[in-house]
Amino acid sequence: MALNNLKRIRNNLLVAEKQAQESTLKFARSITPKLTGNARKNTNLKNEQIQSQYPYARRLLIEGWSKQLPPNQYIKRVREHFRQTLLRIIRQGTVK
């Protein structure tokens, strides 16, 4: 019985993590600076990680190449969004 409860909890945590990842991907796309839409279009979830797959991603998102997003704010904001979303899902028990 205890083993079944642990399996259920583990499965709920995995589902919660997936939901938080999907929410965070939407958030990451929303804060990605937009000029032509290429950066947002090429920001995806792959192997449980948000990946920005375009040549100027580092300059744009980390080095502050864009006036729309200050340096080092992208990763900080995305991590914080994921953490808060995951905690909210777990606390509310809103695993779908």
Foldseek 3Di string as FASTA:
>chain_A
DVVVVVVVVVVLLVLLLVVLLVVLLVVLLVQQDDDPCQQSVQFDQDPNDTDRPDDCCCCRAAVPVDPSDRHPPSVVVSVVSSVVSSVVCVVVVVRD
